[in-house]
Amino acid sequence: MASQPPPNGPDLAKGVSLSDFKEGKLAGHVAGEDVLLVRGEGGVFAIGAHCSHYHAPLVDGLVTGNSIRCPWHHACFDLQSGEAVRAPAISPLSSWKVEERDGKIFVLEKQAQKFQQLISDPEVRKIIIVGGGAAGFAAAEMLRRREFRGEITMLSGEASAPVDRPNLSKDYLAGSAPEDWLPLKHDSYYRKANIQLRLNTEVAAIDISARRAITAGGESFSYDRLLLATGAEPLALSVPGAEEPHVFMLRSLADCRAIIHAAKTAKRAFVIGASFIGLEVAAALRARGIEVHIVAPEARPMERVFGPDMGDFIRALHQEHGVVFHLEDSAVSLTDRKVKLKSGAVFECDFIVVGIGVRPRIALAEQAGLKVDRGVLVDDYLQTSGAGIYAAGDIARWPDPRSQTNIRVEHWVVAERQGQVAAINMLGGRQKFDAVPFFWSQHYDIPINYVGHAESWDAIEIDGDIKAKNCLLRYKKSGRVCAVASIFRDLASLEAELEMEREAVAK
């Protein structure tokens, strides 16, 4: 077994001078653990040096007030307690006591973890969560974190406990991450937290007047509050061969396992669709040495989201790694392990992955009589038109304070953050959901971060060089920055997010 590398930086237990701080942060160690000293508004704090999500170095993060934001995926931690106050991080950081004497800062023993509590509405004793994805899990975890002592029942149609879904199209599919990394929490967590996780359980109806959820198997569960977090489902192709066993879609852990099994003996794969899922699947399969072709109707991949310049970059990046594109084309048949294109070309392949987008699963909301409009309509607090019913994640269409319109966003981090806010509000809190949407996409060793929401724009400002993989793009409409995409501009991405938050507050 290889020995662990020695910790970096000074021994903070021996004390450091205030002059040693650079931009209010100093990485060091205490008793063999990496520790970060941070100057916040309330003084100097000591916390774990790496984000609990994907282990990003927080020394490269952004300090705001008494919190610090992760440079990679924009998680946020409280400096005093170490609590992960904003997804995608869920687990807290360790924190240490700090003492200042004789002009030096000393880091002392670890502090007991103590997080903010919430006095819940005494009438709320039973909470049902419909869905086992990002929003549902984040809500259940936050309910217990805020010491809700009532019943929590998660009714999930999935076959497995909630997993880190972004990894299914990235490292896990590529073979560079073990399956042990995937669970958001292991099975023992649900037992210890007394969360009743019912897998393979589809909810067929919600009786609002009786406050009951009825499963497809006929079971009935009463609730005081209910969270709809049914997520989205992949769009299927309606062409001959689309139902054959060598044609896959990717949404669940079971889907990913099936693709990995097919990839073990495959030489050539086709990906239908140049979506985020499609492109990330292509990159993962190339990492496994499989010949990959992508078929898509657009002229540039992801141009609708990122614009033409970034679209050209993404296409060139994948081509550099051997991906073959068939753009401005479509598949008309997938039978007999052959892909026939509209252009007339025919290719043999071992398997196919369809990634042409998703649609929100709103049938249950419609059955219950909730207000819907291309999603489930919610207010600032994520409450639906039904008393005691909240919605979060891919199905929720909420009032965005920046654009002054209702928006629906299919991003993992948004779903988690909505689940957290919905949990607080189900307990009687009054926290508005006003977070700026964020997502990241991974293409080989190139991450693309995106903050904001731009359904359209009339100008794109490019700072830096996209081809050099060092850039920040501002998507503007009528002079206002609607969104920012970046490559290796982590701090600038965090600053853009903060500026958008401040703009929302000002409105």
Protein backbone atom coordinates (compact mmCIF):
# COMPACT_ATOMS: atom_id res chain seq x y z
CA MET A 1 0.00 0.00 0.00
CA ALA A 2 1.46 3.37 -1.04
CA SER A 3 2.10 5.88 1.69
CA GLN A 4 0.07 9.07 1.78
CA PRO A 5 1.84 12.20 0.51
CA PRO A 6 2.95 14.56 3.25
CA PRO A 7 0.64 17.52 3.90
CA ASN A 8 1.47 20.81 2.22
CA GLY A 9 2.06 24.21 3.76
CA PRO A 10 2.91 25.22 7.30
CA ASP A 11 1.96 23.42 10.50
CA LEU A 12 -0.91 25.67 11.58
CA ALA A 13 -0.85 24.30 15.12
CA LYS A 14 2.52 26.02 15.55
CA GLY A 15 1.05 29.35 14.50
CA VAL A 16 1.39 31.55 11.44
CA SER A 17 1.72 35.28 11.07
CA LEU A 18 -1.21 37.29 9.78
CA SER A 19 1.13 38.55 7.08
CA ASP A 20 1.31 35.01 5.68
CA PHE A 21 -2.25 35.26 4.37
CA LYS A 22 -2.62 35.66 0.62
CA GLU A 23 -6.00 37.03 -0.40
CA GLY A 24 -7.40 35.93 2.94
CA LYS A 25 -6.59 32.21 2.61
CA LEU A 26 -3.70 30.01 3.69
CA ALA A 27 -3.42 26.25 3.16
CA GLY A 28 -1.57 24.24 5.78
CA HIS A 29 -2.01 21.21 8.02
CA VAL A 30 -2.76 20.13 11.57
CA ALA A 31 -1.93 16.65 12.89
CA GLY A 32 -1.51 15.33 9.36
CA GLU A 33 -4.79 16.75 8.01
CA ASP A 34 -4.98 19.39 5.30
CA VAL A 35 -6.52 22.55 6.76
CA LEU A 36 -7.43 25.89 5.22
CA LEU A 37 -7.25 29.11 7.18
CA VAL A 38 -9.77 31.62 5.86
CA ARG A 39 -10.48 35.22 6.79
CA GLY A 40 -14.22 35.84 6.75
CA GLU A 41 -16.31 38.73 7.94
CA GLY A 42 -16.45 37.28 11.46
CA GLY A 43 -12.73 36.63 11.85
CA VAL A 44 -10.32 33.86 10.92
CA PHE A 45 -11.64 30.30 10.55
CA ALA A 46 -10.06 26.89 9.99
CA ILE A 47 -11.84 24.26 7.88
CA GLY A 48 -11.00 21.19 5.81
CA ALA A 49 -8.95 22.19 2.78
CA HIS A 50 -10.86 20.22 0.14
CA CYS A 51 -14.48 20.26 -0.99
CA SER A 52 -16.41 17.21 0.22
CA HIS A 53 -18.01 16.81 -3.22
CA TYR A 54 -15.14 16.05 -5.63
CA HIS A 55 -12.17 17.12 -3.45
CA ALA A 56 -11.49 20.46 -5.15
CA PRO A 57 -8.90 22.69 -3.40
CA LEU A 58 -10.87 25.35 -1.55
CA VAL A 59 -7.83 27.63 -1.46
CA ASP A 60 -8.84 28.42 -5.06
CA GLY A 61 -12.42 29.19 -4.05
CA LEU A 62 -14.28 32.43 -3.38
CA VAL A 63 -14.89 33.79 0.12
CA THR A 64 -18.18 35.63 0.56
CA GLY A 65 -19.12 36.85 4.02
CA ASN A 66 -18.61 33.89 6.34
CA SER A 67 -18.75 31.24 3.64
CA ILE A 68 -16.50 29.81 0.95
CA ARG A 69 -17.51 28.53 -2.49
CA CYS A 70 -15.90 25.60 -4.27
CA PRO A 71 -14.05 26.54 -7.49
CA TRP A 72 -15.13 23.46 -9.43
CA HIS A 73 -18.86 22.94 -8.91
CA HIS A 74 -19.93 25.92 -6.78
CA ALA A 75 -20.77 24.14 -3.53
CA CYS A 76 -20.77 26.47 -0.53
CA PHE A 77 -19.59 25.88 3.04
CA ASP A 78 -20.12 27.80 6.26
CA LEU A 79 -16.74 28.87 7.60
CA GLN A 80 -17.64 28.60 11.25
CA SER A 81 -19.31 25.18 11.30
CA GLY A 82 -18.05 23.58 8.08
CA GLU A 83 -21.64 22.81 7.05
CA ALA A 84 -22.27 22.25 3.35
CA VAL A 85 -24.93 24.92 3.01
CA ARG A 86 -25.33 24.62 -0.75
CA ALA A 87 -25.26 21.59 -3.04
CA PRO A 88 -23.67 19.77 -4.80
CA ALA A 89 -21.68 19.12 -1.62
CA ILE A 90 -23.74 17.36 1.04
CA SER A 91 -21.18 16.25 3.62
CA PRO A 92 -19.72 18.89 5.97
CA LEU A 93 -16.09 19.85 6.38
CA SER A 94 -14.21 19.49 9.63
CA SER A 95 -13.63 22.73 11.47
CA TRP A 96 -11.08 23.69 14.08
CA LYS A 97 -10.90 26.22 16.87
CA VAL A 98 -8.68 29.20 16.10
CA GLU A 99 -6.86 31.46 18.53
CA GLU A 100 -4.96 34.67 17.94
CA ARG A 101 -2.13 35.64 20.29
CA ASP A 102 1.15 37.51 20.04
CA GLY A 103 0.39 38.52 16.46
CA LYS A 104 0.00 34.94 15.28
CA ILE A 105 -2.87 32.62 14.42
CA PHE A 106 -2.93 29.17 16.00
CA VAL A 107 -5.21 26.32 14.97
CA LEU A 108 -6.26 24.23 17.97
CA GLU A 109 -8.47 21.15 18.36
CA LYS A 110 -11.37 20.15 16.11
CA GLN A 111 -14.80 21.54 16.92
CA ALA A 112 -17.90 19.44 17.43
CA GLN A 113 -20.17 19.72 14.40
CA LYS A 114 -23.15 21.89 15.21
CA PHE A 115 -25.42 23.07 12.44
CA GLN A 116 -28.37 25.41 12.26
CA GLN A 117 -31.60 23.93 13.58
CA LEU A 118 -35.10 24.67 12.38
CA ILE A 119 -38.13 24.63 14.63
CA SER A 120 -40.63 22.79 12.48
CA ASP A 121 -44.37 23.19 12.29
CA PRO A 122 -45.79 20.79 14.92
CA GLU A 123 -48.56 19.82 12.50
CA VAL A 124 -45.98 18.34 10.12
CA ARG A 125 -45.41 14.77 11.25
CA LYS A 126 -45.37 12.80 7.98
CA ILE A 127 -43.54 13.81 4.82
CA ILE A 128 -43.73 11.87 1.56
CA ILE A 129 -41.09 12.39 -1.14
CA VAL A 130 -42.03 11.08 -4.58
CA GLY A 131 -38.80 10.45 -6.46
CA GLY A 132 -35.36 9.07 -5.72
CA GLY A 133 -33.15 11.47 -7.64
CA ALA A 134 -31.20 14.60 -6.79
CA ALA A 135 -34.08 16.72 -5.48
CA GLY A 136 -35.70 13.93 -3.47
CA PHE A 137 -32.47 12.87 -1.81
CA ALA A 138 -31.38 16.43 -1.03
CA ALA A 139 -34.76 17.11 0.58
CA ALA A 140 -34.66 14.01 2.77
CA GLU A 141 -31.09 14.73 3.86
CA MET A 142 -31.91 18.35 4.70
CA LEU A 143 -35.00 17.34 6.69
CA ARG A 144 -32.89 15.16 8.95
CA ARG A 145 -30.05 17.65 9.06
CA ARG A 146 -32.51 20.24 10.37
CA GLU A 147 -33.58 17.64 12.96
CA PHE A 148 -37.06 16.93 11.71
CA ARG A 149 -38.12 13.97 13.85
CA GLY A 150 -41.25 12.93 12.01
CA GLU A 151 -41.70 10.23 9.37
CA ILE A 152 -39.92 10.53 6.01
CA THR A 153 -40.90 8.12 3.26
CA MET A 154 -39.21 8.22 -0.15
CA LEU A 155 -41.19 6.47 -2.88
CA SER A 156 -38.76 5.88 -5.74
CA GLY A 157 -39.33 4.14 -9.04
CA GLU A 158 -35.59 3.49 -9.26
CA ALA A 159 -34.06 0.08 -8.59
CA SER A 160 -31.17 1.57 -6.61
CA ALA A 161 -30.73 4.14 -3.87
CA PRO A 162 -30.01 7.72 -5.04
CA VAL A 163 -26.74 7.95 -6.96
CA ASP A 164 -24.46 10.69 -8.26
CA ARG A 165 -26.16 10.76 -11.66
CA PRO A 166 -23.64 13.12 -13.39
CA ASN A 167 -21.01 10.42 -12.88
CA LEU A 168 -23.03 7.95 -14.95
CA SER A 169 -22.10 9.73 -18.17
CA LYS A 170 -18.63 10.75 -17.00
CA ASP A 171 -15.98 8.92 -14.96
CA TYR A 172 -17.98 5.82 -14.04
CA LEU A 173 -18.97 5.13 -17.64
CA ALA A 174 -15.39 5.83 -18.74
CA GLY A 175 -14.12 3.23 -16.28
CA SER A 176 -12.08 5.67 -14.20
CA ALA A 177 -14.37 5.73 -11.14
CA PRO A 178 -15.48 2.70 -9.10
CA GLU A 179 -19.14 2.01 -8.45
CA ASP A 180 -18.52 2.67 -4.74
CA TRP A 181 -18.31 6.37 -5.61
CA LEU A 182 -21.83 6.51 -7.00
CA PRO A 183 -24.20 6.33 -4.00
CA LEU A 184 -24.99 9.77 -2.58
CA LYS A 185 -25.19 7.95 0.75
CA HIS A 186 -24.73 4.26 1.42
CA ASP A 187 -27.61 2.05 2.52
CA SER A 188 -26.69 2.33 6.19
CA TYR A 189 -27.39 6.07 6.09
CA TYR A 190 -31.09 5.60 5.39
CA ARG A 191 -31.41 3.14 8.27
CA LYS A 192 -29.57 5.36 10.72
CA ALA A 193 -31.48 8.46 9.59
CA ASN A 194 -34.77 6.57 9.76
CA ILE A 195 -35.66 7.43 6.17
CA GLN A 196 -38.00 4.84 4.70
CA LEU A 197 -36.61 4.36 1.18
CA ARG A 198 -39.02 2.33 -0.96
CA LEU A 199 -37.39 1.35 -4.24
CA ASN A 200 -39.17 0.07 -7.36
CA THR A 201 -42.27 1.90 -6.14
CA GLU A 202 -44.22 3.96 -8.65
CA VAL A 203 -46.80 6.42 -7.35
CA ALA A 204 -49.93 6.20 -9.50
CA ALA A 205 -52.07 8.90 -7.89
CA ILE A 206 -52.18 11.66 -5.30
CA ASP A 207 -55.42 12.35 -3.47
CA ILE A 208 -55.06 15.99 -2.45
CA SER A 209 -58.25 16.16 -0.40
CA ALA A 210 -57.36 13.05 1.63
CA ARG A 211 -53.63 13.88 1.61
CA ARG A 212 -52.63 10.42 0.45
CA ALA A 213 -50.22 9.03 -2.15
CA ILE A 214 -51.32 5.78 -3.81
CA THR A 215 -48.81 3.48 -5.45
CA ALA A 216 -49.29 1.41 -8.58
CA GLY A 217 -49.39 -1.63 -6.30
CA GLY A 218 -52.32 -0.23 -4.34
CA GLU A 219 -50.50 0.88 -1.20
CA SER A 220 -51.63 4.16 0.34
CA PHE A 221 -49.43 6.59 2.30
CA SER A 222 -50.77 9.56 4.22
CA TYR A 223 -48.84 12.81 4.40
CA ASP A 224 -48.82 16.25 6.00
CA ARG A 225 -46.44 17.54 3.35
CA LEU A 226 -45.51 15.99 0.01
CA LEU A 227 -42.63 16.75 -2.34
CA LEU A 228 -43.00 15.93 -6.02
CA ALA A 229 -39.54 15.18 -7.39
CA THR A 230 -40.38 12.85 -10.26
CA GLY A 231 -37.60 14.18 -12.50
CA ALA A 232 -37.43 13.68 -16.23
CA GLU A 233 -37.40 10.73 -18.60
CA PRO A 234 -35.30 10.31 -21.76
CA LEU A 235 -36.94 10.90 -25.11
CA ALA A 236 -37.15 7.75 -27.21
CA LEU A 237 -36.58 7.51 -30.94
CA SER A 238 -39.56 6.47 -33.03
CA VAL A 239 -37.69 4.67 -35.80
CA PRO A 240 -37.47 0.98 -36.72
CA GLY A 241 -35.12 -0.86 -34.36
CA ALA A 242 -35.32 1.68 -31.53
CA GLU A 243 -36.68 -1.01 -29.18
CA GLU A 244 -34.01 -3.60 -29.98
CA PRO A 245 -31.79 -4.77 -27.09
CA HIS A 246 -28.62 -3.20 -28.48
CA VAL A 247 -30.19 0.30 -28.25
CA PHE A 248 -29.74 2.03 -24.89
CA MET A 249 -30.72 5.23 -23.14
CA LEU A 250 -28.87 6.56 -20.11
CA ARG A 251 -30.72 7.76 -17.03
CA SER A 252 -30.33 5.20 -14.26
CA LEU A 253 -27.53 3.14 -12.75
CA ALA A 254 -29.07 0.08 -14.40
CA ASP A 255 -28.87 1.83 -17.79
CA CYS A 256 -25.21 2.64 -17.21
CA ARG A 257 -24.38 -0.91 -16.16
CA ALA A 258 -26.00 -2.23 -19.34
CA ILE A 259 -23.93 0.14 -21.52
CA ILE A 260 -20.73 -0.83 -19.70
CA HIS A 261 -21.53 -4.51 -20.23
CA ALA A 262 -22.08 -3.91 -23.95
CA ALA A 263 -18.87 -1.88 -24.17
CA LYS A 264 -16.71 -4.74 -22.88
CA THR A 265 -16.79 -6.55 -26.23
CA ALA A 266 -17.67 -3.67 -28.56
CA LYS A 267 -15.54 -2.12 -31.25
CA ARG A 268 -17.92 0.52 -32.64
CA ALA A 269 -20.75 2.45 -31.01
CA PHE A 270 -23.16 5.05 -32.33
CA VAL A 271 -24.50 7.91 -30.23
CA ILE A 272 -27.74 9.44 -31.47
CA GLY A 273 -27.85 13.08 -30.39
CA ALA A 274 -25.17 15.67 -29.60
CA SER A 275 -26.73 16.57 -26.25
CA PHE A 276 -24.74 16.87 -23.02
CA ILE A 277 -25.47 13.22 -22.34
CA GLY A 278 -24.61 12.19 -25.89
CA LEU A 279 -21.29 14.04 -25.95
CA GLU A 280 -20.25 12.88 -22.49
CA VAL A 281 -21.14 9.30 -23.37
CA ALA A 282 -19.02 9.62 -26.52
CA ALA A 283 -16.04 10.84 -24.46
CA ALA A 284 -16.47 8.03 -21.95
CA LEU A 285 -16.65 5.37 -24.65
CA ARG A 286 -13.57 6.77 -26.37
CA ALA A 287 -11.76 6.39 -23.04
CA ARG A 288 -12.60 2.68 -23.33
CA GLY A 289 -11.02 2.55 -26.79
CA ILE A 290 -14.29 2.15 -28.70
CA GLU A 291 -14.81 3.76 -32.10
CA VAL A 292 -17.58 6.31 -31.63
CA HIS A 293 -19.85 8.03 -34.16
CA ILE A 294 -22.30 10.81 -33.28
CA VAL A 295 -25.40 11.54 -35.36
CA ALA A 296 -27.21 14.84 -34.81
CA PRO A 297 -29.42 17.20 -36.85
CA GLU A 298 -27.63 20.43 -35.93
CA ALA A 299 -24.63 21.91 -37.74
CA ARG A 300 -22.67 22.37 -34.50
CA PRO A 301 -22.95 20.41 -31.25
CA MET A 302 -24.39 22.45 -28.36
CA GLU A 303 -24.69 25.64 -30.44
CA ARG A 304 -28.16 26.29 -28.99
CA VAL A 305 -26.69 26.44 -25.47
CA PHE A 306 -23.16 27.73 -26.01
CA GLY A 307 -23.21 29.55 -29.35
CA PRO A 308 -21.24 28.88 -32.56
CA ASP A 309 -17.68 29.43 -31.31
CA MET A 310 -17.97 27.10 -28.34
CA GLY A 311 -19.89 24.65 -30.53
CA ASP A 312 -16.99 24.56 -33.00
CA PHE A 313 -14.56 24.04 -30.12
CA ILE A 314 -16.56 21.13 -28.70
CA ARG A 315 -16.76 19.48 -32.12
CA ALA A 316 -13.01 19.91 -32.71
CA LEU A 317 -12.21 18.61 -29.21
CA HIS A 318 -14.14 15.40 -29.80
CA GLN A 319 -12.68 15.01 -33.27
CA GLU A 320 -9.19 15.31 -31.79
CA HIS A 321 -10.10 12.31 -29.64
CA GLY A 322 -11.29 10.30 -32.61
CA VAL A 323 -15.05 10.86 -32.56
CA VAL A 324 -16.67 10.83 -36.01
CA PHE A 325 -19.57 13.28 -36.46
CA HIS A 326 -22.50 12.94 -38.84
CA LEU A 327 -24.05 16.38 -38.39
CA GLU A 328 -27.10 17.80 -40.16
CA ASP A 329 -28.25 14.21 -40.42
CA SER A 330 -30.50 11.79 -38.53
CA ALA A 331 -31.02 8.10 -37.99
CA VAL A 332 -33.98 6.56 -39.82
CA SER A 333 -33.41 2.91 -38.85
CA LEU A 334 -31.45 1.02 -36.14
CA THR A 335 -32.34 -2.56 -37.06
CA ASP A 336 -29.93 -5.52 -37.24
CA ARG A 337 -27.14 -3.57 -35.49
CA LYS A 338 -27.01 -1.17 -38.41
CA VAL A 339 -27.53 2.57 -38.34
CA LYS A 340 -29.15 3.91 -41.48
CA LEU A 341 -28.99 7.68 -41.87
CA LYS A 342 -31.33 10.03 -43.68
CA SER A 343 -28.43 10.90 -45.98
CA GLY A 344 -28.38 7.26 -47.12
CA ALA A 345 -25.23 6.12 -45.34
CA VAL A 346 -25.37 2.79 -43.49
CA PHE A 347 -23.00 1.74 -40.70
CA GLU A 348 -22.65 -1.46 -38.74
CA CYS A 349 -22.17 -1.08 -35.00
CA ASP A 350 -22.17 -3.11 -31.80
CA PHE A 351 -24.52 -0.92 -29.82
CA ILE A 352 -26.27 2.45 -29.83
CA VAL A 353 -26.89 5.06 -27.14
CA VAL A 354 -29.76 7.50 -27.68
CA GLY A 355 -29.32 10.93 -26.07
CA ILE A 356 -31.80 13.29 -27.71
CA GLY A 357 -33.07 15.03 -24.60
CA VAL A 358 -35.57 14.46 -21.81
CA ARG A 359 -39.07 15.54 -20.85
CA PRO A 360 -40.41 16.31 -17.37
CA ARG A 361 -42.50 13.60 -15.75
CA ILE A 362 -45.59 15.65 -14.92
CA ALA A 363 -48.35 13.05 -15.42
CA LEU A 364 -48.72 12.57 -11.66
CA ALA A 365 -49.07 16.32 -11.12
CA GLU A 366 -51.67 16.50 -13.89
CA GLN A 367 -53.62 13.59 -12.34
CA ALA A 368 -53.65 15.42 -9.01
CA GLY A 369 -55.03 18.55 -10.65
CA LEU A 370 -51.98 20.71 -9.99
CA LYS A 371 -51.31 23.70 -12.22
CA VAL A 372 -48.84 22.82 -14.98
CA ASP A 373 -47.23 24.70 -17.85
CA ARG A 374 -44.48 22.65 -19.50
CA GLY A 375 -43.64 21.67 -15.94
CA VAL A 376 -45.23 21.95 -12.52
CA LEU A 377 -45.84 25.58 -11.57
CA VAL A 378 -44.51 26.58 -8.16
CA ASP A 379 -44.23 29.85 -6.27
CA ASP A 380 -41.10 31.50 -4.84
CA TYR A 381 -41.09 28.91 -2.06
CA LEU A 382 -41.49 25.91 -4.43
CA GLN A 383 -45.08 25.29 -3.32
CA THR A 384 -47.48 24.03 -5.99
CA SER A 385 -51.13 24.99 -6.40
CA GLY A 386 -52.04 22.07 -4.13
CA ALA A 387 -52.07 22.65 -0.38
CA GLY A 388 -49.11 21.02 1.33
CA ILE A 389 -47.52 19.90 -1.96
CA TYR A 390 -44.14 21.16 -3.15
CA ALA A 391 -42.20 20.40 -6.34
CA ALA A 392 -38.47 20.41 -7.05
CA GLY A 393 -36.03 19.34 -9.72
CA ASP A 394 -36.56 18.80 -13.44
CA ILE A 395 -40.35 19.17 -13.20
CA ALA A 396 -40.47 22.50 -11.33
CA ARG A 397 -41.15 25.74 -13.22
CA TRP A 398 -40.40 28.57 -10.83
CA PRO A 399 -40.40 32.40 -10.92
CA ASP A 400 -36.84 33.47 -11.71
CA PRO A 401 -36.11 36.82 -10.04
CA ARG A 402 -33.46 37.80 -12.60
CA SER A 403 -35.43 37.32 -15.81
CA GLN A 404 -38.81 38.02 -14.19
CA THR A 405 -40.21 34.95 -15.96
CA ASN A 406 -41.04 31.38 -15.00
CA ILE A 407 -38.25 28.99 -15.95
CA ARG A 408 -37.59 25.26 -15.73
CA VAL A 409 -34.02 23.97 -15.71
CA GLU A 410 -32.82 20.38 -16.04
CA HIS A 411 -29.60 20.66 -14.02
CA TRP A 412 -28.41 18.33 -11.27
CA VAL A 413 -27.22 21.10 -8.95
CA VAL A 414 -30.45 23.07 -9.39
CA ALA A 415 -32.47 19.98 -8.45
CA GLU A 416 -30.41 19.40 -5.31
CA ARG A 417 -30.66 23.02 -4.22
CA GLN A 418 -34.40 23.06 -4.83
CA GLY A 419 -34.78 19.90 -2.77
CA GLN A 420 -32.93 21.57 0.10
CA VAL A 421 -35.08 24.71 -0.04
CA ALA A 422 -38.30 22.72 -0.34
CA ALA A 423 -37.34 20.72 2.76
CA ILE A 424 -36.89 23.86 4.81
CA ASN A 425 -40.19 25.28 3.62
CA MET A 426 -42.08 22.04 4.25
CA LEU A 427 -41.03 22.39 7.88
CA GLY A 428 -42.51 25.88 8.06
CA GLY A 429 -39.62 27.97 6.78
CA ARG A 430 -40.05 30.83 4.33
CA GLN A 431 -36.96 30.59 2.18
CA LYS A 432 -37.28 31.75 -1.40
CA PHE A 433 -35.59 29.73 -4.10
CA ASP A 434 -33.50 32.36 -5.85
CA ALA A 435 -30.27 30.46 -6.57
CA VAL A 436 -28.58 31.14 -9.89
CA PRO A 437 -28.69 27.98 -12.07
CA PHE A 438 -25.35 26.20 -12.44
CA PHE A 439 -24.14 23.13 -14.29
CA TRP A 440 -20.88 21.64 -15.46
CA SER A 441 -20.09 19.35 -18.36
CA GLN A 442 -16.94 17.24 -18.74
CA HIS A 443 -15.37 16.46 -22.10
CA TYR A 444 -12.21 14.39 -21.67
CA ASP A 445 -10.02 16.57 -19.42
CA ILE A 446 -11.90 19.78 -20.25
CA PRO A 447 -14.61 21.01 -17.86
CA ILE A 448 -17.14 23.60 -19.03
CA ASN A 449 -18.92 25.55 -16.28
CA TYR A 450 -22.11 27.47 -16.88
CA VAL A 451 -23.93 29.87 -14.56
CA GLY A 452 -27.19 31.68 -15.25
CA HIS A 453 -29.91 30.92 -17.74
CA ALA A 454 -30.02 32.17 -21.32
CA GLU A 455 -32.79 30.77 -23.49
CA SER A 456 -31.70 33.30 -26.13
CA TRP A 457 -29.19 36.10 -26.53
CA ASP A 458 -28.30 38.88 -28.96
CA ALA A 459 -24.58 39.06 -28.19
CA ILE A 460 -21.79 36.81 -26.91
CA GLU A 461 -18.69 38.47 -25.42
CA ILE A 462 -15.61 36.23 -25.41
CA ASP A 463 -12.89 36.94 -22.87
CA GLY A 464 -9.77 34.87 -23.52
CA ASP A 465 -9.18 32.16 -26.10
CA ILE A 466 -11.59 29.24 -26.50
CA LYS A 467 -9.11 27.20 -28.54
CA ALA A 468 -6.47 27.73 -25.85
CA LYS A 469 -8.96 26.34 -23.30
CA ASN A 470 -8.85 29.49 -21.21
CA CYS A 471 -11.95 31.57 -21.69
CA LEU A 472 -15.11 33.11 -20.32
CA LEU A 473 -18.16 33.77 -22.50
CA ARG A 474 -20.90 36.22 -21.50
CA TYR A 475 -24.32 35.67 -23.07
CA LYS A 476 -26.15 39.01 -23.23
CA LYS A 477 -29.61 40.15 -24.12
CA SER A 478 -30.41 43.87 -24.35
CA GLY A 479 -27.12 44.56 -22.60
CA ARG A 480 -27.81 42.32 -19.58
CA VAL A 481 -25.62 39.29 -18.85
CA CYS A 482 -27.98 36.30 -18.78
CA ALA A 483 -25.39 33.54 -18.44
CA VAL A 484 -21.65 32.89 -18.36
CA ALA A 485 -19.78 29.83 -19.67
CA SER A 486 -16.13 29.24 -18.89
CA ILE A 487 -13.20 26.90 -19.31
CA PHE A 488 -10.53 26.98 -16.58
CA ARG A 489 -11.77 30.33 -15.29
CA ASP A 490 -13.04 28.98 -11.98
CA LEU A 491 -12.78 32.13 -9.90
CA ALA A 492 -14.34 34.28 -12.62
CA SER A 493 -17.22 31.81 -12.85
CA LEU A 494 -17.82 32.10 -9.09
CA GLU A 495 -17.66 35.88 -9.29
CA ALA A 496 -20.19 35.87 -12.14
CA GLU A 497 -22.54 33.73 -10.04
CA LEU A 498 -22.22 36.13 -7.10
CA GLU A 499 -22.90 39.13 -9.33
CA MET A 500 -26.06 37.48 -10.67
CA GLU A 501 -27.24 36.79 -7.12
CA ARG A 502 -26.73 40.40 -6.19
CA GLU A 503 -28.65 41.50 -9.27
CA ALA A 504 -31.58 39.29 -8.24
CA VAL A 505 -31.60 40.78 -4.73
CA ALA A 506 -31.53 44.31 -6.16
CA LYS A 507 -34.72 43.54 -8.09
